[in-house]
Amino acid sequence: MFTKKSLVGLDIGSQEIKAVEMVESAGQMQLSALATMPAVDRVDLPQALKELFSKSGIRTKNVAISLSGQSVVVRYISMPRMSEEELRSSLKYEAEKHIPFELDEVALDCARLERDGVSEPGEENEEMQVLLVAARKEVLNELLGVIRVAGLVPVAVDVDGFALGSAFELSVSSRGDGRGLDGVTALIDVGGSKTSINIIEDGLSAFSREIYLAGKDFTEAISRRMGVSPEEGDRIKCESTSEDFEVMECVSPLLGDLAAEIHASIDYFENHHERGVDSVRISGGSVSLPGLGDSFEQAFGREVSEWNPLEGIEEVDGSAGARIPTGNSSSLAVAVGLASRVLDY
């Protein structure tokens, strides 16, 4: 008999909290439960999480969480090819060259990025590509403390952009698309307070960035232009359609700014990697904003498509109600990516 493991991907956003429970058995993943709720103040978060888990039918206490923002530094570096043990022992030395924090202030981690084109042993100047991540301990420990006070068990900590990539990989594999990760895909997640970019090259992260322009900025533009409260502005934003030309006029300048920033990131990748981005896939709670897709397509000069991170993922038998209406399934991308870490532990 196969042993089942379960894990909750817990995405604590600035506007909404999302929890997705995945169950793994014999290498297959299924959706067990999911739930969302509006964001709350940090002091109220432990109790809010307890209630969210209780009401949603989530069974496990094991969670994967993520960090983002200026407390996290991500670097893609080249290093001489070495063993995993040698890489770990040299991590602090390499981090000193690339991390703008004191090393005793951060938690460090790294991962090899093995892809075609990396020199093989015996070749001159052989190198390997390494992903280096540093997170400020103060921020990390605060988040872990909140999770534990809520009675939950943190088993994995990720970065939003990489969780986005994990969700896309899971989506591709769930659809049985064996070559779906070939080529270069730009994943863009437009959330409440930031926009995350992760460019995937042949299945591996090759570029990531956060842009601090997103849903709350669109809300502020609408409320300021229309002379309404932020709460009313947010309601108007969420209920608007492509026919709401007044809303489109309010957000159009910001959409142009955001598209220009993303386009600059794509240009940077293409110039440094000498490969073009084949497709652009968008997700996040703000992707339904009128005019967003069109603005991106005009700026990037290529097709932009929204994707659903739950597409192709089956539900656990007997998990009636697992697919709680969320209004926008693509907003679950980070939470789904975090839950996919159930395969790692």
C-alpha atoms as a PDB file:
ATOM      1  CA  MET A   1       0.000   0.000   0.000  1.00  0.00           C
ATOM      2  CA  PHE A   2       1.300   3.460  -0.888  1.00  0.00           C
ATOM      3  CA  THR A   3       1.674   6.065   1.845  1.00  0.00           C
ATOM      4  CA  LYS A   4      -0.091   9.346   1.215  1.00  0.00           C
ATOM      5  CA  LYS A   5       1.537  12.644   2.084  1.00  0.00           C
ATOM      6  CA  SER A   6      -0.196  16.007   2.213  1.00  0.00           C
ATOM      7  CA  LEU A   7       0.976  19.596   2.317  1.00  0.00           C
ATOM      8  CA  VAL A   8      -0.686  22.998   2.306  1.00  0.00           C
ATOM      9  CA  GLY A   9       0.703  25.756   0.139  1.00  0.00           C
ATOM     10  CA  LEU A  10       0.030  28.877   2.193  1.00  0.00           C
ATOM     11  CA  ASP A  11       0.286  32.145   0.277  1.00  0.00           C
ATOM     12  CA  ILE A  12      -0.061  35.066   2.706  1.00  0.00           C
ATOM     13  CA  GLY A  13      -0.576  37.996   0.365  1.00  0.00           C
ATOM     14  CA  SER A  14      -1.118  41.667   1.050  1.00  0.00           C
ATOM     15  CA  GLN A  15      -4.749  41.494  -0.098  1.00  0.00           C
ATOM     16  CA  GLU A  16      -5.710  37.850   0.311  1.00  0.00           C
ATOM     17  CA  ILE A  17      -4.613  34.668   2.060  1.00  0.00           C
ATOM     18  CA  LYS A  18      -4.770  31.472  -0.003  1.00  0.00           C
ATOM     19  CA  ALA A  19      -4.383  27.894   1.183  1.00  0.00           C
ATOM     20  CA  VAL A  20      -4.189  24.900  -1.175  1.00  0.00           C
ATOM     21  CA  GLU A  21      -3.876  21.351   0.184  1.00  0.00           C
ATOM     22  CA  MET A  22      -2.305  18.754  -2.092  1.00  0.00           C
ATOM     23  CA  VAL A  23      -2.066  15.020  -1.464  1.00  0.00           C
ATOM     24  CA  GLU A  24       0.672  12.866  -3.020  1.00  0.00           C
ATOM     25  CA  SER A  25       0.528   9.120  -3.436  1.00  0.00           C
ATOM     26  CA  ALA A  26       2.846   7.041  -5.628  1.00  0.00           C
ATOM     27  CA  GLY A  27       4.154  10.191  -7.289  1.00  0.00           C
ATOM     28  CA  GLN A  28       0.680  11.440  -8.245  1.00  0.00           C
ATOM     29  CA  MET A  29      -0.701  14.703  -6.887  1.00  0.00           C
ATOM     30  CA  GLN A  30      -4.339  15.549  -6.207  1.00  0.00           C
ATOM     31  CA  LEU A  31      -6.180  18.540  -4.841  1.00  0.00           C
ATOM     32  CA  SER A  32      -7.646  17.890  -1.408  1.00  0.00           C
ATOM     33  CA  ALA A  33      -8.909  21.319  -0.315  1.00  0.00           C
ATOM     34  CA  LEU A  34      -8.507  25.002  -0.945  1.00  0.00           C
ATOM     35  CA  ALA A  35      -9.676  28.176   0.748  1.00  0.00           C
ATOM     36  CA  THR A  36      -9.163  31.923   0.591  1.00  0.00           C
ATOM     37  CA  MET A  37      -9.848  34.844   2.892  1.00  0.00           C
ATOM     38  CA  PRO A  38      -9.110  38.586   2.965  1.00  0.00           C
ATOM     39  CA  ALA A  39      -5.760  39.588   4.423  1.00  0.00           C
ATOM     40  CA  VAL A  40      -5.662  40.593   8.091  1.00  0.00           C
ATOM     41  CA  ASP A  41      -3.253  42.497  10.329  1.00  0.00           C
ATOM     42  CA  ARG A  42      -0.212  40.494  11.387  1.00  0.00           C
ATOM     43  CA  VAL A  43      -1.342  40.438  15.038  1.00  0.00           C
ATOM     44  CA  ASP A  44      -4.610  38.757  13.984  1.00  0.00           C
ATOM     45  CA  LEU A  45      -3.006  36.347  11.534  1.00  0.00           C
ATOM     46  CA  PRO A  46      -2.526  33.267  13.797  1.00  0.00           C
ATOM     47  CA  GLN A  47      -6.201  33.170  14.782  1.00  0.00           C
ATOM     48  CA  ALA A  48      -7.298  33.877  11.213  1.00  0.00           C
ATOM     49  CA  LEU A  49      -5.227  30.942   9.956  1.00  0.00           C
ATOM     50  CA  LYS A  50      -6.701  28.633  12.584  1.00  0.00           C
ATOM     51  CA  GLU A  51     -10.209  29.562  11.464  1.00  0.00           C
ATOM     52  CA  LEU A  52      -9.344  29.255   7.774  1.00  0.00           C
ATOM     53  CA  PHE A  53      -7.994  25.724   8.194  1.00  0.00           C
ATOM     54  CA  SER A  54     -10.876  24.663  10.423  1.00  0.00           C
ATOM     55  CA  LYS A  55     -13.646  25.933   8.128  1.00  0.00           C
ATOM     56  CA  SER A  56     -12.080  24.678   4.884  1.00  0.00           C
ATOM     57  CA  GLY A  57     -11.671  21.055   5.891  1.00  0.00           C
ATOM     58  CA  ILE A  58      -7.902  21.112   5.497  1.00  0.00           C
ATOM     59  CA  ARG A  59      -6.557  18.135   7.386  1.00  0.00           C
ATOM     60  CA  THR A  60      -2.796  18.486   7.579  1.00  0.00           C
ATOM     61  CA  LYS A  61      -0.903  21.016   9.690  1.00  0.00           C
ATOM     62  CA  ASN A  62       2.164  20.839   7.434  1.00  0.00           C
ATOM     63  CA  VAL A  63       2.580  23.995   5.364  1.00  0.00           C
ATOM     64  CA  ALA A  64       4.949  25.445   2.796  1.00  0.00           C
ATOM     65  CA  ILE A  65       5.280  29.225   2.889  1.00  0.00           C
ATOM     66  CA  SER A  66       7.091  31.812   0.817  1.00  0.00           C
ATOM     67  CA  LEU A  67       8.962  35.076   1.171  1.00  0.00           C
ATOM     68  CA  SER A  68       9.215  38.055  -1.144  1.00  0.00           C
ATOM     69  CA  GLY A  69      10.193  41.691  -1.134  1.00  0.00           C
ATOM     70  CA  GLN A  70      13.416  43.490  -0.371  1.00  0.00           C
ATOM     71  CA  SER A  71      14.268  41.102   2.471  1.00  0.00           C
ATOM     72  CA  VAL A  72      15.021  38.426  -0.146  1.00  0.00           C
ATOM     73  CA  VAL A  73      17.949  38.522  -2.574  1.00  0.00           C
ATOM     74  CA  VAL A  74      18.196  36.194  -5.572  1.00  0.00           C
ATOM     75  CA  ARG A  75      21.334  35.874  -7.701  1.00  0.00           C
ATOM     76  CA  TYR A  76      22.198  33.668 -10.685  1.00  0.00           C
ATOM     77  CA  ILE A  77      25.946  33.084 -10.575  1.00  0.00           C
ATOM     78  CA  SER A  78      28.621  31.048 -12.362  1.00  0.00           C
ATOM     79  CA  MET A  79      30.946  28.874 -10.305  1.00  0.00           C
ATOM     80  CA  PRO A  80      33.593  26.254 -11.062  1.00  0.00           C
ATOM     81  CA  ARG A  81      31.998  22.826 -11.325  1.00  0.00           C
ATOM     82  CA  MET A  82      32.159  21.060  -7.945  1.00  0.00           C
ATOM     83  CA  SER A  83      30.377  18.489  -5.843  1.00  0.00           C
ATOM     84  CA  GLU A  84      27.282  19.277  -3.787  1.00  0.00           C
ATOM     85  CA  GLU A  85      29.352  19.082  -0.586  1.00  0.00           C
ATOM     86  CA  GLU A  86      31.947  21.498  -1.981  1.00  0.00           C
ATOM     87  CA  LEU A  87      29.211  23.867  -3.112  1.00  0.00           C
ATOM     88  CA  ARG A  88      27.691  23.974   0.356  1.00  0.00           C
ATOM     89  CA  SER A  89      31.041  24.544   2.029  1.00  0.00           C
ATOM     90  CA  SER A  90      31.847  27.459  -0.314  1.00  0.00           C
ATOM     91  CA  LEU A  91      28.396  29.021  -0.101  1.00  0.00           C
ATOM     92  CA  LYS A  92      29.247  31.719   2.441  1.00  0.00           C
ATOM     93  CA  TYR A  93      32.385  32.718   0.580  1.00  0.00           C
ATOM     94  CA  GLU A  94      30.454  33.144  -2.659  1.00  0.00           C
ATOM     95  CA  ALA A  95      27.564  34.900  -0.897  1.00  0.00           C
ATOM     96  CA  GLU A  96      29.902  37.624   0.390  1.00  0.00           C
ATOM     97  CA  LYS A  97      30.495  38.680  -3.223  1.00  0.00           C
ATOM     98  CA  HIS A  98      26.841  38.923  -4.179  1.00  0.00           C
ATOM     99  CA  ILE A  99      24.659  39.611  -1.113  1.00  0.00           C
ATOM    100  CA  PRO A 100      24.220  43.236   0.132  1.00  0.00           C
ATOM    101  CA  PHE A 101      23.626  42.111   3.731  1.00  0.00           C
ATOM    102  CA  GLU A 102      25.886  40.988   6.550  1.00  0.00           C
ATOM    103  CA  LEU A 103      26.034  37.210   6.318  1.00  0.00           C
ATOM    104  CA  ASP A 104      25.074  36.701   9.951  1.00  0.00           C
ATOM    105  CA  GLU A 105      21.813  38.552   9.182  1.00  0.00           C
ATOM    106  CA  VAL A 106      20.621  36.150   6.491  1.00  0.00           C
ATOM    107  CA  ALA A 107      19.685  32.533   5.881  1.00  0.00           C
ATOM    108  CA  LEU A 108      21.373  31.191   2.742  1.00  0.00           C
ATOM    109  CA  ASP A 109      20.456  28.485   0.268  1.00  0.00           C
ATOM    110  CA  CYS A 110      21.508  27.521  -3.237  1.00  0.00           C
ATOM    111  CA  ALA A 111      20.670  25.135  -6.069  1.00  0.00           C
ATOM    112  CA  ARG A 112      22.454  23.950  -9.184  1.00  0.00           C
ATOM    113  CA  LEU A 113      20.901  24.972 -12.474  1.00  0.00           C
ATOM    114  CA  GLU A 114      21.861  22.143 -14.807  1.00  0.00           C
ATOM    115  CA  ARG A 115      20.903  22.890 -18.392  1.00  0.00           C
ATOM    116  CA  ASP A 116      22.158  22.265 -21.912  1.00  0.00           C
ATOM    117  CA  GLY A 117      25.208  24.292 -22.818  1.00  0.00           C
ATOM    118  CA  VAL A 118      26.956  23.970 -19.463  1.00  0.00           C
ATOM    119  CA  SER A 119      30.484  22.718 -19.927  1.00  0.00           C
ATOM    120  CA  GLU A 120      31.145  19.108 -19.039  1.00  0.00           C
ATOM    121  CA  PRO A 121      33.943  17.752 -16.837  1.00  0.00           C
ATOM    122  CA  GLY A 122      37.255  17.794 -18.686  1.00  0.00           C
ATOM    123  CA  GLU A 123      36.433  20.877 -20.758  1.00  0.00           C
ATOM    124  CA  GLU A 124      38.504  24.012 -20.336  1.00  0.00           C
ATOM    125  CA  ASN A 125      37.016  26.644 -17.981  1.00  0.00           C
ATOM    126  CA  GLU A 126      34.251  24.270 -16.976  1.00  0.00           C
ATOM    127  CA  GLU A 127      31.525  26.049 -14.986  1.00  0.00           C
ATOM    128  CA  MET A 128      28.124  25.444 -13.529  1.00  0.00           C
ATOM    129  CA  GLN A 129      25.253  27.839 -12.987  1.00  0.00           C
ATOM    130  CA  VAL A 130      24.048  28.261  -9.407  1.00  0.00           C
ATOM    131  CA  LEU A 131      20.973  29.912  -7.971  1.00  0.00           C
ATOM    132  CA  LEU A 132      21.846  31.754  -4.751  1.00  0.00           C
ATOM    133  CA  VAL A 133      19.125  32.944  -2.361  1.00  0.00           C
ATOM    134  CA  ALA A 134      19.464  34.930   0.853  1.00  0.00           C
ATOM    135  CA  ALA A 135      16.627  35.915   3.194  1.00  0.00           C
ATOM    136  CA  ARG A 136      16.888  38.194   6.194  1.00  0.00           C
ATOM    137  CA  LYS A 137      16.604  36.083   9.329  1.00  0.00           C
ATOM    138  CA  GLU A 138      14.533  38.712  11.129  1.00  0.00           C
ATOM    139  CA  VAL A 139      11.768  38.558   8.522  1.00  0.00           C
ATOM    140  CA  LEU A 140      11.983  34.784   8.135  1.00  0.00           C
ATOM    141  CA  ASN A 141      11.835  34.120  11.883  1.00  0.00           C
ATOM    142  CA  GLU A 142       8.881  36.473  12.316  1.00  0.00           C
ATOM    143  CA  LEU A 143       6.909  34.604   9.669  1.00  0.00           C
ATOM    144  CA  LEU A 144       7.848  31.212  11.089  1.00  0.00           C
ATOM    145  CA  GLY A 145       6.769  32.403  14.531  1.00  0.00           C
ATOM    146  CA  VAL A 146       3.330  33.407  13.262  1.00  0.00           C
ATOM    147  CA  ILE A 147       2.905  30.058  11.535  1.00  0.00           C
ATOM    148  CA  ARG A 148       3.812  28.129  14.674  1.00  0.00           C
ATOM    149  CA  VAL A 149       1.535  30.214  16.919  1.00  0.00           C
ATOM    150  CA  ALA A 150      -1.279  29.250  14.528  1.00  0.00           C
ATOM    151  CA  GLY A 151      -0.550  25.606  15.365  1.00  0.00           C
ATOM    152  CA  LEU A 152       0.922  24.855  11.942  1.00  0.00           C
ATOM    153  CA  VAL A 153       4.184  23.122  11.048  1.00  0.00           C
ATOM    154  CA  PRO A 154       6.395  24.872   8.461  1.00  0.00           C
ATOM    155  CA  VAL A 155       8.199  22.217   6.429  1.00  0.00           C
ATOM    156  CA  ALA A 156       9.394  24.343   3.475  1.00  0.00           C
ATOM    157  CA  VAL A 157      10.156  27.999   2.756  1.00  0.00           C
ATOM    158  CA  ASP A 158      10.270  29.199  -0.842  1.00  0.00           C
ATOM    159  CA  VAL A 159      10.341  32.451  -2.804  1.00  0.00           C
ATOM    160  CA  ASP A 160       7.173  33.635  -4.562  1.00  0.00           C
ATOM    161  CA  GLY A 161       8.729  33.671  -8.028  1.00  0.00           C
ATOM    162  CA  PHE A 162      10.080  30.138  -7.722  1.00  0.00           C
ATOM    163  CA  ALA A 163       6.755  28.858  -6.370  1.00  0.00           C
ATOM    164  CA  LEU A 164       5.224  30.355  -9.508  1.00  0.00           C
ATOM    165  CA  GLY A 165       7.623  28.286 -11.603  1.00  0.00           C
ATOM    166  CA  SER A 166       6.805  25.132  -9.625  1.00  0.00           C
ATOM    167  CA  ALA A 167       3.093  25.655 -10.259  1.00  0.00           C
ATOM    168  CA  PHE A 168       3.708  25.995 -13.988  1.00  0.00           C
ATOM    169  CA  GLU A 169       5.814  22.833 -14.056  1.00  0.00           C
ATOM    170  CA  LEU A 170       3.064  20.958 -12.189  1.00  0.00           C
ATOM    171  CA  SER A 171       0.438  22.285 -14.590  1.00  0.00           C
ATOM    172  CA  VAL A 172       2.432  21.148 -17.613  1.00  0.00           C
ATOM    173  CA  SER A 173       3.095  17.678 -16.179  1.00  0.00           C
ATOM    174  CA  SER A 174      -0.550  17.274 -15.092  1.00  0.00           C
ATOM    175  CA  ARG A 175      -1.662  17.853 -18.678  1.00  0.00           C
ATOM    176  CA  GLY A 176       0.760  15.173 -19.888  1.00  0.00           C
ATOM    177  CA  ASP A 177       2.633  17.628 -22.095  1.00  0.00           C
ATOM    178  CA  GLY A 178       6.062  16.036 -22.227  1.00  0.00           C
ATOM    179  CA  ARG A 179       7.634  18.949 -24.111  1.00  0.00           C
ATOM    180  CA  GLY A 180       5.665  21.723 -22.447  1.00  0.00           C
ATOM    181  CA  LEU A 181       8.724  23.034 -20.612  1.00  0.00           C
ATOM    182  CA  ASP A 182      10.927  23.211 -23.700  1.00  0.00           C
ATOM    183  CA  GLY A 183      11.858  26.691 -24.871  1.00  0.00           C
ATOM    184  CA  VAL A 184      11.537  29.935 -22.910  1.00  0.00           C
ATOM    185  CA  THR A 185       8.398  30.990 -21.048  1.00  0.00           C
ATOM    186  CA  ALA A 186       7.965  34.261 -19.142  1.00  0.00           C
ATOM    187  CA  LEU A 187       5.675  33.770 -16.131  1.00  0.00           C
ATOM    188  CA  ILE A 188       4.171  37.016 -14.848  1.00  0.00           C
ATOM    189  CA  ASP A 189       2.059  37.052 -11.677  1.00  0.00           C
ATOM    190  CA  VAL A 190       0.284  40.369 -11.015  1.00  0.00           C
ATOM    191  CA  GLY A 191      -0.702  40.320  -7.361  1.00  0.00           C
ATOM    192  CA  GLY A 192      -1.924  42.793  -4.786  1.00  0.00           C
ATOM    193  CA  SER A 193       1.271  44.662  -3.930  1.00  0.00           C
ATOM    194  CA  LYS A 194       3.821  43.391  -6.443  1.00  0.00           C
ATOM    195  CA  THR A 195       4.304  41.735  -9.808  1.00  0.00           C
ATOM    196  CA  SER A 196       6.548  38.661  -9.872  1.00  0.00           C
ATOM    197  CA  ILE A 197       8.471  37.598 -12.967  1.00  0.00           C
ATOM    198  CA  ASN A 198      10.107  34.215 -13.458  1.00  0.00           C
ATOM    199  CA  ILE A 199      11.532  33.383 -16.875  1.00  0.00           C
ATOM    200  CA  ILE A 200      11.783  29.620 -17.359  1.00  0.00           C
ATOM    201  CA  GLU A 201      14.400  28.351 -19.820  1.00  0.00           C
ATOM    202  CA  ASP A 202      13.951  24.663 -20.732  1.00  0.00           C
ATOM    203  CA  GLY A 203      12.306  23.976 -17.383  1.00  0.00           C
ATOM    204  CA  LEU A 204      14.782  25.893 -15.186  1.00  0.00           C
ATOM    205  CA  SER A 205      14.550  29.386 -13.739  1.00  0.00           C
ATOM    206  CA  ALA A 206      16.888  31.714 -15.618  1.00  0.00           C
ATOM    207  CA  PHE A 207      15.713  35.155 -14.491  1.00  0.00           C
ATOM    208  CA  SER A 208      13.493  36.463 -11.701  1.00  0.00           C
ATOM    209  CA  ARG A 209      12.443  39.892 -10.557  1.00  0.00           C
ATOM    210  CA  GLU A 210       9.800  41.667  -8.491  1.00  0.00           C
ATOM    211  CA  ILE A 211       8.192  44.928  -9.607  1.00  0.00           C
ATOM    212  CA  TYR A 212       6.391  46.918  -6.933  1.00  0.00           C
ATOM    213  CA  LEU A 213       3.476  47.943  -9.101  1.00  0.00           C
ATOM    214  CA  ALA A 214       0.303  45.866  -8.912  1.00  0.00           C
ATOM    215  CA  GLY A 215      -3.302  45.649  -7.741  1.00  0.00           C
ATOM    216  CA  LYS A 216      -3.222  48.173  -4.908  1.00  0.00           C
ATOM    217  CA  ASP A 217      -1.810  50.795  -7.260  1.00  0.00           C
ATOM    218  CA  PHE A 218      -4.678  50.210  -9.698  1.00  0.00           C
ATOM    219  CA  THR A 219      -7.134  50.563  -6.804  1.00  0.00           C
ATOM    220  CA  GLU A 220      -5.551  53.843  -5.705  1.00  0.00           C
ATOM    221  CA  ALA A 221      -5.699  55.207  -9.253  1.00  0.00           C
ATOM    222  CA  ILE A 222      -9.403  54.358  -9.551  1.00  0.00           C
ATOM    223  CA  SER A 223     -10.366  55.766  -6.150  1.00  0.00           C
ATOM    224  CA  ARG A 224      -8.375  58.962  -6.726  1.00  0.00           C
ATOM    225  CA  ARG A 225      -9.689  59.559 -10.260  1.00  0.00           C
ATOM    226  CA  MET A 226     -13.311  58.759  -9.388  1.00  0.00           C
ATOM    227  CA  GLY A 227     -13.245  60.445  -5.976  1.00  0.00           C
ATOM    228  CA  VAL A 228     -14.324  57.359  -4.030  1.00  0.00           C
ATOM    229  CA  SER A 229     -12.966  55.535  -0.999  1.00  0.00           C
ATOM    230  CA  PRO A 230     -10.241  52.893  -1.438  1.00  0.00           C
ATOM    231  CA  GLU A 231     -12.795  50.222  -0.507  1.00  0.00           C
ATOM    232  CA  GLU A 232     -15.178  51.431  -3.210  1.00  0.00           C
ATOM    233  CA  GLY A 233     -12.299  51.753  -5.660  1.00  0.00           C
ATOM    234  CA  ASP A 234     -11.324  48.151  -5.020  1.00  0.00           C
ATOM    235  CA  ARG A 235     -14.918  46.993  -5.550  1.00  0.00           C
ATOM    236  CA  ILE A 236     -15.111  48.902  -8.836  1.00  0.00           C
ATOM    237  CA  LYS A 237     -11.802  47.378  -9.956  1.00  0.00           C
ATOM    238  CA  CYS A 238     -12.858  43.833  -9.130  1.00  0.00           C
ATOM    239  CA  GLU A 239     -16.260  44.152 -10.825  1.00  0.00           C
ATOM    240  CA  SER A 240     -15.099  46.049 -13.908  1.00  0.00           C
ATOM    241  CA  THR A 241     -15.176  44.590 -17.412  1.00  0.00           C
ATOM    242  CA  SER A 242     -13.713  45.496 -20.773  1.00  0.00           C
ATOM    243  CA  GLU A 243     -16.763  47.713 -21.312  1.00  0.00           C
ATOM    244  CA  ASP A 244     -15.853  49.966 -18.375  1.00  0.00           C
ATOM    245  CA  PHE A 245     -13.964  52.625 -20.293  1.00  0.00           C
ATOM    246  CA  GLU A 246     -13.755  54.970 -17.297  1.00  0.00           C
ATOM    247  CA  VAL A 247     -11.887  52.312 -15.316  1.00  0.00           C
ATOM    248  CA  MET A 248      -9.587  51.686 -18.257  1.00  0.00           C
ATOM    249  CA  GLU A 249      -8.783  55.403 -18.431  1.00  0.00           C
ATOM    250  CA  CYS A 250      -7.923  55.381 -14.713  1.00  0.00           C
ATOM    251  CA  VAL A 251      -5.482  52.473 -14.909  1.00  0.00           C
ATOM    252  CA  SER A 252      -4.107  52.871 -18.434  1.00  0.00           C
ATOM    253  CA  PRO A 253      -1.034  54.972 -17.439  1.00  0.00           C
ATOM    254  CA  LEU A 254      -0.077  52.452 -14.726  1.00  0.00           C
ATOM    255  CA  LEU A 255      -0.584  49.520 -17.069  1.00  0.00           C
ATOM    256  CA  GLY A 256       1.763  51.200 -19.508  1.00  0.00           C
ATOM    257  CA  ASP A 257       4.372  51.653 -16.783  1.00  0.00           C
ATOM    258  CA  LEU A 258       4.064  48.033 -15.658  1.00  0.00           C
ATOM    259  CA  ALA A 259       4.251  46.714 -19.210  1.00  0.00           C
ATOM    260  CA  ALA A 260       7.369  48.806 -19.847  1.00  0.00           C
ATOM    261  CA  GLU A 261       9.094  47.401 -16.741  1.00  0.00           C
ATOM    262  CA  ILE A 262       8.261  43.819 -17.702  1.00  0.00           C
ATOM    263  CA  HIS A 263       9.368  44.428 -21.279  1.00  0.00           C
ATOM    264  CA  ALA A 264      12.713  45.748 -19.982  1.00  0.00           C
ATOM    265  CA  SER A 265      13.142  42.510 -18.001  1.00  0.00           C
ATOM    266  CA  ILE A 266      12.394  40.383 -21.052  1.00  0.00           C
ATOM    267  CA  ASP A 267      14.851  42.429 -23.124  1.00  0.00           C
ATOM    268  CA  TYR A 268      17.527  41.986 -20.441  1.00  0.00           C
ATOM    269  CA  PHE A 269      17.041  38.214 -20.449  1.00  0.00           C
ATOM    270  CA  GLU A 270      17.081  37.951 -24.243  1.00  0.00           C
ATOM    271  CA  ASN A 271      20.223  40.072 -24.572  1.00  0.00           C
ATOM    272  CA  HIS A 272      22.164  38.185 -21.883  1.00  0.00           C
ATOM    273  CA  HIS A 273      21.011  34.666 -22.755  1.00  0.00           C
ATOM    274  CA  GLU A 274      20.854  35.111 -26.510  1.00  0.00           C
ATOM    275  CA  ARG A 275      17.472  33.374 -26.615  1.00  0.00           C
ATOM    276  CA  GLY A 276      14.053  34.810 -27.304  1.00  0.00           C
ATOM    277  CA  VAL A 277      11.055  34.420 -25.019  1.00  0.00           C
ATOM    278  CA  ASP A 278       8.654  32.068 -26.795  1.00  0.00           C
ATOM    279  CA  SER A 279       5.519  32.683 -24.733  1.00  0.00           C
ATOM    280  CA  VAL A 280       4.201  34.951 -21.981  1.00  0.00           C
ATOM    281  CA  ARG A 281       1.827  33.466 -19.395  1.00  0.00           C
ATOM    282  CA  ILE A 282       0.070  35.671 -16.852  1.00  0.00           C
ATOM    283  CA  SER A 283      -1.558  34.880 -13.521  1.00  0.00           C
ATOM    284  CA  GLY A 284      -2.465  36.597 -10.274  1.00  0.00           C
ATOM    285  CA  GLY A 285      -5.398  38.314  -8.655  1.00  0.00           C
ATOM    286  CA  SER A 286      -5.138  41.382 -10.890  1.00  0.00           C
ATOM    287  CA  VAL A 287      -4.921  39.787 -14.352  1.00  0.00           C
ATOM    288  CA  SER A 288      -8.659  40.244 -14.953  1.00  0.00           C
ATOM    289  CA  LEU A 289      -8.220  44.015 -14.891  1.00  0.00           C
ATOM    290  CA  PRO A 290      -9.629  45.489 -18.129  1.00  0.00           C
ATOM    291  CA  GLY A 291      -6.910  46.323 -20.617  1.00  0.00           C
ATOM    292  CA  LEU A 292      -4.101  44.458 -18.866  1.00  0.00           C
ATOM    293  CA  GLY A 293      -3.701  41.690 -21.436  1.00  0.00           C
ATOM    294  CA  ASP A 294      -3.942  44.092 -24.359  1.00  0.00           C
ATOM    295  CA  SER A 295      -1.368  46.457 -22.833  1.00  0.00           C
ATOM    296  CA  PHE A 296       1.050  43.585 -22.352  1.00  0.00           C
ATOM    297  CA  GLU A 297       0.575  42.261 -25.882  1.00  0.00           C
ATOM    298  CA  GLN A 298       1.172  45.694 -27.405  1.00  0.00           C
ATOM    299  CA  ALA A 299       4.286  46.256 -25.300  1.00  0.00           C
ATOM    300  CA  PHE A 300       5.801  42.805 -25.779  1.00  0.00           C
ATOM    301  CA  GLY A 301       4.837  42.325 -29.411  1.00  0.00           C
ATOM    302  CA  ARG A 302       3.724  38.744 -28.775  1.00  0.00           C
ATOM    303  CA  GLU A 303       0.698  36.810 -27.563  1.00  0.00           C
ATOM    304  CA  VAL A 304      -0.053  36.902 -23.846  1.00  0.00           C
ATOM    305  CA  SER A 305      -2.289  34.241 -22.286  1.00  0.00           C
ATOM    306  CA  GLU A 306      -3.706  33.656 -18.828  1.00  0.00           C
ATOM    307  CA  TRP A 307      -3.216  30.193 -17.317  1.00  0.00           C
ATOM    308  CA  ASN A 308      -4.961  28.171 -14.638  1.00  0.00           C
ATOM    309  CA  PRO A 309      -2.597  26.431 -12.166  1.00  0.00           C
ATOM    310  CA  LEU A 310      -5.307  23.888 -11.266  1.00  0.00           C
ATOM    311  CA  GLU A 311      -5.894  22.757 -14.835  1.00  0.00           C
ATOM    312  CA  GLY A 312      -5.358  19.010 -15.154  1.00  0.00           C
ATOM    313  CA  ILE A 313      -5.100  18.409 -11.396  1.00  0.00           C
ATOM    314  CA  GLU A 314      -7.634  15.880 -10.146  1.00  0.00           C
ATOM    315  CA  GLU A 315      -9.477  16.112  -6.855  1.00  0.00           C
ATOM    316  CA  VAL A 316      -9.129  13.553  -4.082  1.00  0.00           C
ATOM    317  CA  ASP A 317     -12.119  11.199  -3.935  1.00  0.00           C
ATOM    318  CA  GLY A 318     -14.593  12.423  -1.372  1.00  0.00           C
ATOM    319  CA  SER A 319     -13.242  15.962  -1.269  1.00  0.00           C
ATOM    320  CA  ALA A 320     -16.569  17.513  -2.173  1.00  0.00           C
ATOM    321  CA  GLY A 321     -16.330  21.271  -2.047  1.00  0.00           C
ATOM    322  CA  ALA A 322     -12.577  21.363  -2.550  1.00  0.00           C
ATOM    323  CA  ARG A 323     -12.958  23.821  -5.379  1.00  0.00           C
ATOM    324  CA  ILE A 324     -14.352  26.669  -3.321  1.00  0.00           C
ATOM    325  CA  PRO A 325     -15.296  29.535  -5.653  1.00  0.00           C
ATOM    326  CA  THR A 326     -12.384  31.953  -5.734  1.00  0.00           C
ATOM    327  CA  GLY A 327     -13.395  34.228  -8.616  1.00  0.00           C
ATOM    328  CA  ASN A 328      -9.973  33.875 -10.201  1.00  0.00           C
ATOM    329  CA  SER A 329      -8.205  30.516 -10.234  1.00  0.00           C
ATOM    330  CA  SER A 330      -5.016  32.029 -11.649  1.00  0.00           C
ATOM    331  CA  SER A 331      -4.581  33.904  -8.362  1.00  0.00           C
ATOM    332  CA  LEU A 332      -3.736  30.540  -6.753  1.00  0.00           C
ATOM    333  CA  ALA A 333      -0.508  30.030  -8.710  1.00  0.00           C
ATOM    334  CA  VAL A 334       1.894  30.710  -5.826  1.00  0.00           C
ATOM    335  CA  ALA A 335      -0.129  28.622  -3.357  1.00  0.00           C
ATOM    336  CA  VAL A 336      -0.306  25.704  -5.813  1.00  0.00           C
ATOM    337  CA  GLY A 337       3.433  25.923  -6.419  1.00  0.00           C
ATOM    338  CA  LEU A 338       4.093  25.832  -2.694  1.00  0.00           C
ATOM    339  CA  ALA A 339       1.792  22.835  -2.238  1.00  0.00           C
ATOM    340  CA  SER A 340       3.674  20.971  -4.972  1.00  0.00           C
ATOM    341  CA  ARG A 341       6.618  20.800  -2.547  1.00  0.00           C
ATOM    342  CA  VAL A 342       4.828  17.775  -1.084  1.00  0.00           C
ATOM    343  CA  LEU A 343       6.879  15.796  -3.591  1.00  0.00           C
ATOM    344  CA  ASP A 344      10.099  16.932  -1.881  1.00  0.00           C
ATOM    345  CA  TYR A 345       9.614  15.747   1.683  1.00  0.00           C
END
